[in-house]
């Protein structure tokens, strides 16, 4: 639902209003980019049930081959119980972590990153790189079968959203400004990931 703004017929504009306006605008932008954190708590209950084929991986990052698995589907209230508040905001409501507030963006340990919602294997430390963005970034997923993408027009610019194939959780976005060999940057939210360090 679009907000309708009518011109204010009050003149002249006060000095106080001029000082407050930039802060009010910044607040409006922050609210709209959070995609309704507290709205539609049961929206995730509409996820499609069924089976999907994913590639299984050990915590060392070794491929265990394809497997046909049930999709992970919960109601909004069940997701709220299973996840932290920040995980729910990111995974189920498409939110974004604040840059440079986590630890994964500067994590250099060997291991793999699993989905915080269903534990499916998503990314490896072998494809992780320092993007200087404040979010963990990768130039490729562990397996294309474990994720999917869709067009995101929630902001003024069009982006490509990355989601977990098994539980339909929002993970982040992918951009075409990454390093070789793919030139892609999978910019992920730390709240969407769970790191499993390699035993080696």
N, C-alpha and C. Protein backbone atom coordinates (compact mmCIF):
# COMPACT_ATOMS: atom_id res chain seq x y z
N UNK A 1 0.84 -1.18 0.00
CA UNK A 1 0.00 0.00 0.00
C UNK A 1 0.88 1.24 0.00
N UNK A 2 0.70 2.11 -0.99
CA UNK A 2 1.53 3.29 -1.12
C UNK A 2 1.02 4.41 -0.24
N UNK A 3 1.95 5.09 0.40
CA UNK A 3 1.57 6.24 1.22
C UNK A 3 1.34 7.44 0.31
N UNK A 4 0.31 8.21 0.60
CA UNK A 4 0.01 9.40 -0.19
C UNK A 4 0.46 10.61 0.60
N UNK A 5 1.33 11.41 0.01
CA UNK A 5 1.84 12.59 0.68
C UNK A 5 1.22 13.82 0.04
N UNK A 6 0.49 14.59 0.82
CA UNK A 6 -0.11 15.83 0.32
C UNK A 6 0.76 17.00 0.75
N UNK A 7 0.86 18.02 -0.11
CA UNK A 7 1.70 19.16 0.25
C UNK A 7 1.19 19.87 1.49
N UNK A 8 2.10 20.28 2.33
CA UNK A 8 1.73 21.03 3.54
C UNK A 8 1.53 22.48 3.15
N UNK A 9 0.40 23.04 3.52
CA UNK A 9 0.06 24.41 3.12
C UNK A 9 0.42 25.40 4.22
N UNK A 10 1.53 25.13 4.88
CA UNK A 10 1.98 25.98 5.95
C UNK A 10 3.25 26.71 5.49
N UNK A 11 3.32 27.97 5.62
CA UNK A 11 4.49 28.72 5.18
C UNK A 11 4.76 29.83 6.17
N UNK A 12 5.97 30.24 6.37
CA UNK A 12 7.16 29.62 5.78
C UNK A 12 7.62 28.42 6.59
N UNK A 13 8.52 27.61 6.04
CA UNK A 13 9.05 26.45 6.74
C UNK A 13 9.95 26.92 7.88
N UNK A 14 9.70 26.35 9.05
CA UNK A 14 10.48 26.76 10.21
C UNK A 14 11.88 26.18 10.16
N UNK A 15 12.78 26.81 10.90
CA UNK A 15 14.15 26.32 10.96
C UNK A 15 14.21 24.94 11.60
N UNK A 16 13.34 24.70 12.58
CA UNK A 16 13.29 23.40 13.26
C UNK A 16 12.91 22.30 12.28
N UNK A 17 11.93 22.60 11.41
CA UNK A 17 11.50 21.61 10.42
C UNK A 17 12.63 21.27 9.46
N UNK A 18 13.40 22.28 9.08
CA UNK A 18 14.52 22.04 8.17
C UNK A 18 15.58 21.14 8.81
N UNK A 19 15.76 21.28 10.13
CA UNK A 19 16.74 20.46 10.83
C UNK A 19 16.25 19.03 11.02
N UNK A 20 14.96 18.86 11.22
CA UNK A 20 14.39 17.54 11.51
C UNK A 20 14.18 16.71 10.25
N UNK A 21 13.88 17.35 9.12
CA UNK A 21 13.51 16.64 7.90
C UNK A 21 14.52 15.57 7.47
N UNK A 22 15.83 15.85 7.42
CA UNK A 22 16.77 14.78 7.00
C UNK A 22 16.72 13.56 7.90
N UNK A 23 16.55 13.76 9.21
CA UNK A 23 16.48 12.62 10.13
C UNK A 23 15.20 11.83 9.94
N UNK A 24 14.12 12.52 9.68
CA UNK A 24 12.84 11.85 9.44
C UNK A 24 12.92 11.02 8.17
N UNK A 25 13.55 11.57 7.12
CA UNK A 25 13.70 10.84 5.87
C UNK A 25 14.55 9.60 6.06
N UNK A 26 15.65 9.73 6.81
CA UNK A 26 16.52 8.57 7.09
C UNK A 26 15.75 7.49 7.84
N UNK A 27 14.90 7.91 8.77
CA UNK A 27 14.09 6.94 9.52
C UNK A 27 13.11 6.23 8.61
N UNK A 28 12.53 6.94 7.65
CA UNK A 28 11.59 6.34 6.71
C UNK A 28 12.28 5.30 5.85
N UNK A 29 13.50 5.62 5.39
CA UNK A 29 14.26 4.66 4.58
C UNK A 29 14.56 3.41 5.39
N UNK A 30 14.97 3.58 6.65
CA UNK A 30 15.31 2.43 7.51
C UNK A 30 14.10 1.53 7.71
N UNK A 31 12.92 2.16 7.89
CA UNK A 31 11.71 1.37 8.12
C UNK A 31 11.32 0.59 6.88
N UNK A 32 11.38 1.23 5.70
CA UNK A 32 10.94 0.57 4.48
C UNK A 32 11.87 -0.55 4.07
N UNK A 33 13.19 -0.46 4.39
CA UNK A 33 14.11 -1.51 4.01
C UNK A 33 14.05 -2.71 4.94
N UNK A 34 13.38 -2.58 6.07
CA UNK A 34 13.29 -3.71 7.00
C UNK A 34 12.15 -4.65 6.62
N UNK A 35 11.44 -4.35 5.56
CA UNK A 35 10.41 -5.24 5.01
C UNK A 35 9.38 -5.69 6.04
N UNK A 36 8.95 -4.80 6.89
CA UNK A 36 7.88 -5.14 7.82
C UNK A 36 8.27 -6.19 8.83
N UNK A 37 9.27 -5.90 9.63
CA UNK A 37 9.80 -6.86 10.60
C UNK A 37 8.72 -7.49 11.46
N UNK A 38 7.76 -6.69 11.90
CA UNK A 38 6.75 -7.22 12.81
C UNK A 38 5.42 -7.52 12.13
N UNK A 39 5.39 -7.41 10.80
CA UNK A 39 4.14 -7.67 10.10
C UNK A 39 4.12 -9.08 9.51
N UNK A 40 2.92 -9.59 9.31
CA UNK A 40 2.70 -10.89 8.69
C UNK A 40 3.56 -12.00 9.29
N UNK A 41 3.44 -12.25 10.60
CA UNK A 41 4.29 -13.27 11.22
C UNK A 41 4.04 -14.67 10.70
N UNK A 42 2.86 -14.91 10.11
CA UNK A 42 2.55 -16.25 9.63
C UNK A 42 2.82 -16.41 8.14
N UNK A 43 3.47 -15.43 7.51
CA UNK A 43 3.67 -15.48 6.07
C UNK A 43 4.45 -16.71 5.62
N UNK A 44 5.40 -17.18 6.45
CA UNK A 44 6.22 -18.31 6.05
C UNK A 44 5.45 -19.62 6.01
N UNK A 45 4.25 -19.65 6.55
CA UNK A 45 3.46 -20.87 6.53
C UNK A 45 2.98 -21.21 5.13
N UNK A 46 3.10 -20.26 4.20
CA UNK A 46 2.64 -20.49 2.84
C UNK A 46 3.72 -21.12 1.95
N UNK A 47 4.88 -21.46 2.53
CA UNK A 47 5.96 -22.05 1.74
C UNK A 47 5.48 -23.36 1.12
N UNK A 48 6.01 -23.66 -0.06
CA UNK A 48 5.58 -24.85 -0.80
C UNK A 48 6.17 -26.09 -0.15
N UNK A 49 5.31 -27.06 0.13
CA UNK A 49 5.73 -28.32 0.72
C UNK A 49 6.19 -29.25 -0.39
N UNK A 50 6.83 -30.35 -0.03
CA UNK A 50 7.25 -31.33 -1.02
C UNK A 50 8.68 -31.76 -0.82
N UNK A 51 9.29 -32.25 -1.90
CA UNK A 51 10.66 -32.71 -1.85
C UNK A 51 11.53 -31.93 -2.82
N UNK A 52 12.81 -31.85 -2.50
CA UNK A 52 13.79 -31.22 -3.38
C UNK A 52 15.05 -32.07 -3.39
N UNK A 53 15.85 -31.91 -4.43
CA UNK A 53 17.13 -32.59 -4.49
C UNK A 53 18.23 -31.59 -4.15
N UNK A 54 19.02 -31.92 -3.15
CA UNK A 54 20.15 -31.07 -2.76
C UNK A 54 21.41 -31.92 -2.75
N UNK A 55 22.54 -31.24 -2.69
CA UNK A 55 23.82 -31.94 -2.57
C UNK A 55 24.23 -31.89 -1.11
N UNK A 56 24.46 -33.05 -0.53
CA UNK A 56 24.87 -33.13 0.87
C UNK A 56 26.38 -32.96 0.98
N UNK A 57 26.84 -32.33 2.09
CA UNK A 57 28.26 -32.13 2.34
C UNK A 57 28.57 -32.46 3.78
N UNK A 58 29.78 -33.00 4.00
CA UNK A 58 30.26 -33.20 5.36
C UNK A 58 30.72 -31.84 5.89
N UNK A 59 31.00 -31.76 7.19
CA UNK A 59 31.47 -30.50 7.77
C UNK A 59 32.86 -30.13 7.25
N UNK A 60 33.56 -31.08 6.61
CA UNK A 60 34.86 -30.79 6.00
C UNK A 60 34.70 -30.21 4.60
N UNK A 61 33.46 -30.19 4.12
CA UNK A 61 33.21 -29.67 2.78
C UNK A 61 33.27 -30.72 1.69
N UNK A 62 33.33 -32.00 2.08
CA UNK A 62 33.37 -33.08 1.11
C UNK A 62 31.97 -33.40 0.62
N UNK A 63 31.80 -33.49 -0.69
CA UNK A 63 30.49 -33.79 -1.25
C UNK A 63 30.09 -35.23 -0.95
N UNK A 64 28.88 -35.39 -0.45
CA UNK A 64 28.33 -36.72 -0.17
C UNK A 64 27.32 -37.12 -1.24
N UNK A 65 27.23 -36.31 -2.28
CA UNK A 65 26.35 -36.63 -3.40
C UNK A 65 24.94 -36.09 -3.23
N UNK A 66 24.15 -36.23 -4.28
CA UNK A 66 22.76 -35.72 -4.24
C UNK A 66 21.86 -36.56 -3.36
N UNK A 67 20.87 -35.91 -2.79
CA UNK A 67 19.89 -36.61 -1.95
C UNK A 67 18.53 -35.93 -2.13
N UNK A 68 17.50 -36.77 -2.20
CA UNK A 68 16.13 -36.27 -2.27
C UNK A 68 15.64 -36.11 -0.84
N UNK A 69 15.30 -34.87 -0.45
CA UNK A 69 14.93 -34.60 0.94
C UNK A 69 13.61 -33.83 1.00
N UNK A 70 12.95 -33.93 2.13
CA UNK A 70 11.73 -33.16 2.34
C UNK A 70 12.07 -31.70 2.57
N UNK A 71 11.26 -30.81 2.02
CA UNK A 71 11.43 -29.39 2.31
C UNK A 71 11.11 -29.15 3.78
N UNK A 72 11.78 -28.16 4.36
CA UNK A 72 11.53 -27.79 5.75
C UNK A 72 10.51 -26.66 5.74
N UNK A 73 9.32 -26.96 6.27
CA UNK A 73 8.23 -25.99 6.26
C UNK A 73 7.66 -25.87 7.68
N UNK A 74 7.59 -24.65 8.19
CA UNK A 74 7.00 -24.39 9.50
C UNK A 74 6.06 -23.20 9.39
N UNK A 75 5.17 -23.10 10.33
CA UNK A 75 4.33 -21.90 10.42
C UNK A 75 5.18 -20.76 10.95
N UNK A 76 4.67 -19.55 10.83
CA UNK A 76 5.40 -18.40 11.35
C UNK A 76 5.69 -18.51 12.83
N UNK A 77 4.70 -18.99 13.60
CA UNK A 77 4.91 -19.10 15.04
C UNK A 77 5.94 -20.18 15.37
N UNK A 78 6.00 -21.25 14.57
CA UNK A 78 7.01 -22.29 14.79
C UNK A 78 8.41 -21.75 14.47
N UNK A 79 8.52 -20.98 13.37
CA UNK A 79 9.81 -20.39 13.04
C UNK A 79 10.26 -19.44 14.16
N UNK A 80 9.34 -18.69 14.71
CA UNK A 80 9.68 -17.76 15.79
C UNK A 80 10.24 -18.51 17.00
N UNK A 81 9.70 -19.69 17.26
CA UNK A 81 10.16 -20.49 18.39
C UNK A 81 11.53 -21.11 18.12
N UNK A 82 11.79 -21.49 16.86
CA UNK A 82 13.03 -22.17 16.51
C UNK A 82 14.21 -21.24 16.27
N UNK A 83 13.93 -20.00 15.91
CA UNK A 83 14.99 -19.06 15.56
C UNK A 83 15.11 -17.94 16.59
N UNK A 84 16.25 -17.29 16.59
CA UNK A 84 16.38 -16.07 17.39
C UNK A 84 15.59 -14.97 16.69
N UNK A 85 15.38 -13.87 17.37
CA UNK A 85 14.64 -12.75 16.78
C UNK A 85 15.33 -12.23 15.53
N UNK A 86 16.65 -12.13 15.57
CA UNK A 86 17.39 -11.61 14.41
C UNK A 86 17.37 -12.61 13.26
N UNK A 87 17.48 -13.90 13.57
CA UNK A 87 17.40 -14.93 12.52
C UNK A 87 16.03 -14.91 11.86
N UNK A 88 14.98 -14.77 12.65
CA UNK A 88 13.63 -14.73 12.10
C UNK A 88 13.47 -13.53 11.18
N UNK A 89 13.97 -12.39 11.61
CA UNK A 89 13.89 -11.15 10.82
C UNK A 89 14.58 -11.32 9.47
N UNK A 90 15.76 -11.96 9.47
CA UNK A 90 16.51 -12.13 8.22
C UNK A 90 15.96 -13.29 7.39
N UNK A 91 15.90 -14.47 7.98
CA UNK A 91 15.51 -15.67 7.24
C UNK A 91 14.07 -15.67 6.76
N UNK A 92 13.15 -15.25 7.60
CA UNK A 92 11.74 -15.38 7.27
C UNK A 92 11.09 -14.08 6.81
N UNK A 93 11.70 -12.93 7.12
CA UNK A 93 11.11 -11.67 6.71
C UNK A 93 11.97 -10.89 5.73
N UNK A 94 13.04 -11.51 5.26
CA UNK A 94 13.86 -10.89 4.24
C UNK A 94 14.65 -9.70 4.70
N UNK A 95 14.96 -9.63 6.00
CA UNK A 95 15.71 -8.50 6.54
C UNK A 95 17.19 -8.57 6.22
N UNK A 96 17.91 -7.55 6.66
CA UNK A 96 19.35 -7.47 6.42
C UNK A 96 20.08 -7.12 7.71
N UNK A 97 21.13 -7.88 8.01
CA UNK A 97 21.98 -7.56 9.15
C UNK A 97 22.68 -6.22 8.93
N UNK A 98 22.99 -5.54 10.00
CA UNK A 98 23.77 -4.32 9.91
C UNK A 98 25.22 -4.69 9.59
N UNK A 99 25.80 -4.01 8.61
CA UNK A 99 27.17 -4.31 8.19
C UNK A 99 28.17 -4.14 9.33
N UNK A 100 29.19 -4.97 9.32
CA UNK A 100 30.32 -4.91 10.27
C UNK A 100 29.92 -5.18 11.72
N UNK A 101 28.75 -5.80 11.94
CA UNK A 101 28.34 -6.08 13.31
C UNK A 101 28.52 -7.55 13.69
N UNK A 102 28.76 -8.40 12.73
CA UNK A 102 28.95 -9.81 13.01
C UNK A 102 30.41 -10.19 13.12
N UNK A 103 30.68 -11.48 12.99
CA UNK A 103 32.06 -11.98 13.04
C UNK A 103 32.43 -12.76 11.79
N UNK A 104 31.45 -13.29 11.07
CA UNK A 104 31.75 -14.13 9.91
C UNK A 104 32.43 -13.37 8.78
N UNK A 105 32.17 -12.08 8.63
CA UNK A 105 32.78 -11.35 7.52
C UNK A 105 34.30 -11.32 7.65
N UNK A 106 34.81 -11.48 8.87
CA UNK A 106 36.26 -11.50 9.07
C UNK A 106 36.75 -12.86 9.55
N UNK A 107 35.93 -13.88 9.40
CA UNK A 107 36.31 -15.23 9.78
C UNK A 107 37.18 -15.86 8.70
N UNK A 108 38.36 -16.38 9.08
CA UNK A 108 39.27 -16.99 8.12
C UNK A 108 39.51 -18.47 8.43
N UNK A 109 38.70 -19.04 9.31
CA UNK A 109 38.82 -20.47 9.63
C UNK A 109 38.32 -21.31 8.46
N UNK A 110 38.86 -22.52 8.38
CA UNK A 110 38.40 -23.46 7.35
C UNK A 110 37.12 -24.14 7.82
N UNK A 111 36.19 -24.31 6.92
CA UNK A 111 34.94 -24.97 7.25
C UNK A 111 33.85 -24.62 6.24
N UNK A 112 32.63 -24.95 6.59
CA UNK A 112 31.51 -24.64 5.71
C UNK A 112 30.45 -23.85 6.46
N UNK A 113 29.64 -23.17 5.70
CA UNK A 113 28.56 -22.35 6.25
C UNK A 113 27.24 -23.01 5.87
N UNK A 114 26.46 -23.35 6.89
CA UNK A 114 25.16 -24.00 6.70
C UNK A 114 24.03 -23.00 6.91
N UNK A 115 22.87 -23.34 6.40
CA UNK A 115 21.67 -22.51 6.59
C UNK A 115 21.28 -22.56 8.06
N UNK A 116 21.05 -21.41 8.66
CA UNK A 116 20.65 -21.35 10.07
C UNK A 116 19.22 -21.85 10.26
N UNK A 117 18.48 -21.97 9.17
CA UNK A 117 17.10 -22.43 9.28
C UNK A 117 16.94 -23.93 9.16
N UNK A 118 17.76 -24.60 8.32
CA UNK A 118 17.57 -26.04 8.10
C UNK A 118 18.87 -26.84 8.11
N UNK A 119 20.02 -26.16 8.29
CA UNK A 119 21.33 -26.81 8.37
C UNK A 119 21.82 -27.35 7.03
N UNK A 120 21.20 -26.99 5.91
CA UNK A 120 21.69 -27.42 4.61
C UNK A 120 23.01 -26.70 4.32
N UNK A 121 23.94 -27.38 3.66
CA UNK A 121 25.24 -26.81 3.35
C UNK A 121 25.12 -25.79 2.22
N UNK A 122 25.68 -24.59 2.43
CA UNK A 122 25.52 -23.51 1.45
C UNK A 122 26.83 -23.00 0.86
N UNK A 123 27.80 -22.67 1.71
CA UNK A 123 29.04 -22.05 1.24
C UNK A 123 30.25 -22.65 1.95
N UNK A 124 31.40 -22.48 1.32
CA UNK A 124 32.66 -22.99 1.87
C UNK A 124 33.64 -21.86 2.11
N UNK A 125 34.51 -22.06 3.09
CA UNK A 125 35.57 -21.08 3.35
C UNK A 125 36.51 -20.97 2.15
N UNK A 126 36.53 -21.99 1.29
CA UNK A 126 37.42 -21.99 0.12
C UNK A 126 36.98 -20.96 -0.93
N UNK A 127 35.71 -20.57 -0.92
CA UNK A 127 35.25 -19.57 -1.90
C UNK A 127 34.93 -18.23 -1.22
N UNK A 128 35.29 -18.11 0.06
CA UNK A 128 35.03 -16.88 0.79
C UNK A 128 36.14 -15.87 0.50
N UNK A 129 35.78 -14.60 0.44
CA UNK A 129 36.79 -13.56 0.21
C UNK A 129 36.40 -12.30 0.98
N UNK A 130 37.37 -11.44 1.21
CA UNK A 130 37.14 -10.18 1.90
C UNK A 130 36.61 -9.16 0.90
N UNK A 131 35.35 -8.79 1.06
CA UNK A 131 34.72 -7.86 0.11
C UNK A 131 34.72 -6.42 0.63
N UNK A 132 35.14 -6.24 1.88
CA UNK A 132 35.14 -4.91 2.51
C UNK A 132 33.75 -4.30 2.58
N UNK A 133 32.74 -5.17 2.66
CA UNK A 133 31.36 -4.68 2.76
C UNK A 133 30.79 -4.83 4.16
N UNK A 134 31.44 -5.65 5.00
CA UNK A 134 30.92 -5.90 6.34
C UNK A 134 29.98 -7.08 6.42
N UNK A 135 29.81 -7.81 5.29
CA UNK A 135 29.00 -9.03 5.27
C UNK A 135 29.87 -10.16 4.73
N UNK A 136 29.65 -11.40 5.20
CA UNK A 136 30.41 -12.53 4.64
C UNK A 136 30.09 -12.67 3.16
N UNK A 137 31.14 -12.79 2.35
CA UNK A 137 30.97 -12.83 0.89
C UNK A 137 31.69 -14.04 0.29
N UNK A 138 31.09 -14.60 -0.74
CA UNK A 138 31.61 -15.81 -1.40
C UNK A 138 31.50 -15.62 -2.90
N UNK A 139 32.44 -16.22 -3.65
CA UNK A 139 32.33 -16.11 -5.10
C UNK A 139 31.56 -17.27 -5.74
N UNK A 140 31.13 -18.24 -4.92
CA UNK A 140 30.30 -19.34 -5.43
C UNK A 140 29.70 -20.10 -4.26
N UNK A 141 28.53 -20.71 -4.46
CA UNK A 141 27.97 -21.58 -3.42
C UNK A 141 28.65 -22.95 -3.48
N UNK A 142 28.45 -23.74 -2.44
CA UNK A 142 28.97 -25.11 -2.45
C UNK A 142 28.36 -25.90 -3.60
N UNK A 143 27.07 -25.72 -3.79
CA UNK A 143 26.36 -26.40 -4.89
C UNK A 143 25.19 -25.53 -5.32
N UNK A 144 25.08 -25.32 -6.63
CA UNK A 144 23.96 -24.53 -7.16
C UNK A 144 22.62 -25.15 -6.77
N UNK A 145 22.60 -26.47 -6.58
CA UNK A 145 21.35 -27.16 -6.24
C UNK A 145 20.82 -26.77 -4.87
N UNK A 146 21.67 -26.24 -4.00
CA UNK A 146 21.26 -25.96 -2.62
C UNK A 146 20.69 -24.56 -2.41
N UNK A 147 20.74 -23.75 -3.47
CA UNK A 147 20.18 -22.40 -3.38
C UNK A 147 19.31 -22.13 -4.60
N UNK A 148 18.57 -21.05 -4.57
CA UNK A 148 17.93 -20.54 -5.78
C UNK A 148 17.85 -19.03 -5.66
N UNK A 149 17.62 -18.38 -6.78
CA UNK A 149 17.59 -16.93 -6.79
C UNK A 149 16.26 -16.44 -7.38
N UNK A 150 15.93 -15.20 -7.05
CA UNK A 150 14.76 -14.58 -7.65
C UNK A 150 14.95 -13.06 -7.64
N UNK A 151 14.22 -12.39 -8.50
CA UNK A 151 14.30 -10.95 -8.64
C UNK A 151 13.75 -10.27 -7.40
N UNK A 152 14.47 -9.26 -6.90
CA UNK A 152 14.05 -8.51 -5.72
C UNK A 152 13.94 -7.04 -6.10
N UNK A 153 12.72 -6.52 -5.98
CA UNK A 153 12.49 -5.11 -6.32
C UNK A 153 12.02 -4.33 -5.10
N UNK A 154 12.43 -4.78 -3.91
CA UNK A 154 11.96 -4.15 -2.67
C UNK A 154 12.57 -2.76 -2.46
N UNK A 155 13.71 -2.49 -3.08
CA UNK A 155 14.33 -1.16 -2.98
C UNK A 155 14.24 -0.47 -4.33
N UNK A 156 14.81 0.70 -4.43
CA UNK A 156 14.71 1.45 -5.69
C UNK A 156 15.53 0.83 -6.80
N UNK A 157 16.51 -0.03 -6.46
CA UNK A 157 17.29 -0.72 -7.49
C UNK A 157 16.92 -2.20 -7.49
N UNK A 158 16.97 -2.81 -8.67
CA UNK A 158 16.66 -4.23 -8.77
C UNK A 158 17.86 -5.05 -8.34
N UNK A 159 17.60 -6.06 -7.50
CA UNK A 159 18.67 -6.94 -7.02
C UNK A 159 18.26 -8.39 -7.26
N UNK A 160 19.20 -9.30 -7.02
CA UNK A 160 18.93 -10.74 -7.15
C UNK A 160 19.04 -11.35 -5.75
N UNK A 161 17.92 -11.81 -5.24
CA UNK A 161 17.85 -12.41 -3.91
C UNK A 161 18.31 -13.86 -3.96
N UNK A 162 19.01 -14.30 -2.91
CA UNK A 162 19.47 -15.69 -2.79
C UNK A 162 18.71 -16.33 -1.65
N UNK A 163 18.13 -17.53 -1.91
CA UNK A 163 17.35 -18.24 -0.90
C UNK A 163 17.82 -19.68 -0.78
N UNK A 164 17.57 -20.27 0.38
CA UNK A 164 17.87 -21.68 0.62
C UNK A 164 16.82 -22.53 -0.07
N UNK A 165 17.27 -23.51 -0.87
CA UNK A 165 16.32 -24.34 -1.60
C UNK A 165 15.49 -25.23 -0.67
N UNK A 166 16.07 -25.65 0.44
CA UNK A 166 15.34 -26.61 1.29
C UNK A 166 14.30 -25.95 2.19
N UNK A 167 14.56 -24.73 2.68
CA UNK A 167 13.58 -24.12 3.60
C UNK A 167 13.10 -22.75 3.15
N UNK A 168 13.48 -22.33 1.94
CA UNK A 168 13.02 -21.06 1.37
C UNK A 168 13.38 -19.85 2.22
N UNK A 169 14.45 -19.95 2.99
CA UNK A 169 14.88 -18.82 3.81
C UNK A 169 15.66 -17.81 2.99
N UNK A 170 15.46 -16.55 3.30
CA UNK A 170 16.25 -15.47 2.68
C UNK A 170 17.66 -15.51 3.24
N UNK A 171 18.64 -15.52 2.34
CA UNK A 171 20.05 -15.58 2.75
C UNK A 171 20.78 -14.27 2.52
N UNK A 172 20.47 -13.61 1.43
CA UNK A 172 21.15 -12.38 1.06
C UNK A 172 20.92 -12.08 -0.41
N UNK A 173 21.94 -11.52 -1.07
CA UNK A 173 21.83 -11.17 -2.48
C UNK A 173 23.13 -11.52 -3.20
N UNK A 174 23.04 -11.67 -4.52
CA UNK A 174 24.23 -11.93 -5.32
C UNK A 174 24.41 -10.78 -6.31
N UNK A 175 25.68 -10.34 -6.43
CA UNK A 175 26.02 -9.22 -7.29
C UNK A 175 27.14 -9.64 -8.26
N UNK A 176 27.27 -8.93 -9.36
CA UNK A 176 28.26 -9.30 -10.37
C UNK A 176 29.55 -8.49 -10.25
N UNK A 177 29.95 -8.17 -9.03
CA UNK A 177 31.19 -7.41 -8.81
C UNK A 177 32.19 -8.19 -7.97
N UNK A 178 32.15 -9.51 -8.08
CA UNK A 178 33.04 -10.35 -7.30
C UNK A 178 34.34 -10.65 -8.02
N UNK A 179 35.20 -11.46 -7.41
CA UNK A 179 36.51 -11.78 -7.99
C UNK A 179 36.43 -12.95 -8.97
N UNK A 180 37.55 -13.24 -9.60
CA UNK A 180 37.65 -14.44 -10.43
C UNK A 180 37.48 -15.67 -9.55
N UNK A 181 37.04 -16.80 -10.05
CA UNK A 181 36.75 -17.06 -11.46
C UNK A 181 35.32 -16.75 -11.89
N UNK A 182 34.41 -16.49 -10.94
CA UNK A 182 32.99 -16.31 -11.31
C UNK A 182 32.61 -14.84 -11.49
N UNK A 183 33.38 -13.95 -10.88
CA UNK A 183 33.08 -12.51 -10.86
C UNK A 183 31.75 -12.21 -10.15
N UNK A 184 31.34 -13.13 -9.28
CA UNK A 184 30.12 -12.97 -8.51
C UNK A 184 30.45 -12.71 -7.04
N UNK A 185 29.56 -12.01 -6.37
CA UNK A 185 29.69 -11.77 -4.93
C UNK A 185 28.39 -12.16 -4.25
N UNK A 186 28.41 -13.33 -3.63
CA UNK A 186 27.25 -13.76 -2.84
C UNK A 186 27.38 -13.08 -1.49
N UNK A 187 26.62 -12.01 -1.31
CA UNK A 187 26.68 -11.20 -0.09
C UNK A 187 25.63 -11.74 0.88
N UNK A 188 26.09 -12.45 1.89
CA UNK A 188 25.18 -13.17 2.78
C UNK A 188 25.03 -12.49 4.14
N UNK A 189 23.89 -12.69 4.75
CA UNK A 189 23.66 -12.22 6.12
C UNK A 189 24.22 -13.24 7.10
N UNK A 190 24.94 -12.77 8.10
CA UNK A 190 25.49 -13.68 9.10
C UNK A 190 24.37 -14.41 9.84
N UNK A 191 23.25 -13.73 10.10
CA UNK A 191 22.14 -14.36 10.81
C UNK A 191 21.54 -15.53 10.06
N UNK A 192 21.81 -15.61 8.75
CA UNK A 192 21.27 -16.69 7.93
C UNK A 192 22.19 -17.90 7.91
N UNK A 193 23.39 -17.76 8.46
CA UNK A 193 24.39 -18.80 8.37
C UNK A 193 24.79 -19.37 9.72
N UNK A 194 25.28 -20.61 9.66
CA UNK A 194 25.84 -21.26 10.84
C UNK A 194 27.16 -21.89 10.41
N UNK A 195 28.26 -21.42 10.99
CA UNK A 195 29.58 -21.90 10.57
C UNK A 195 29.97 -23.18 11.27
N UNK A 196 30.46 -24.16 10.49
CA UNK A 196 30.95 -25.41 11.03
C UNK A 196 32.43 -25.53 10.68
N UNK A 197 33.29 -25.38 11.67
CA UNK A 197 34.74 -25.43 11.43
C UNK A 197 35.17 -26.83 11.04
N UNK A 198 36.12 -26.92 10.13
CA UNK A 198 36.66 -28.20 9.70
C UNK A 198 37.52 -28.78 10.81
N UNK A 199 37.47 -30.09 10.96
CA UNK A 199 38.26 -30.76 12.00
C UNK A 199 39.73 -30.79 11.64
N UNK A 200 40.05 -30.60 10.37
CA UNK A 200 41.44 -30.65 9.91
C UNK A 200 42.23 -29.45 10.37
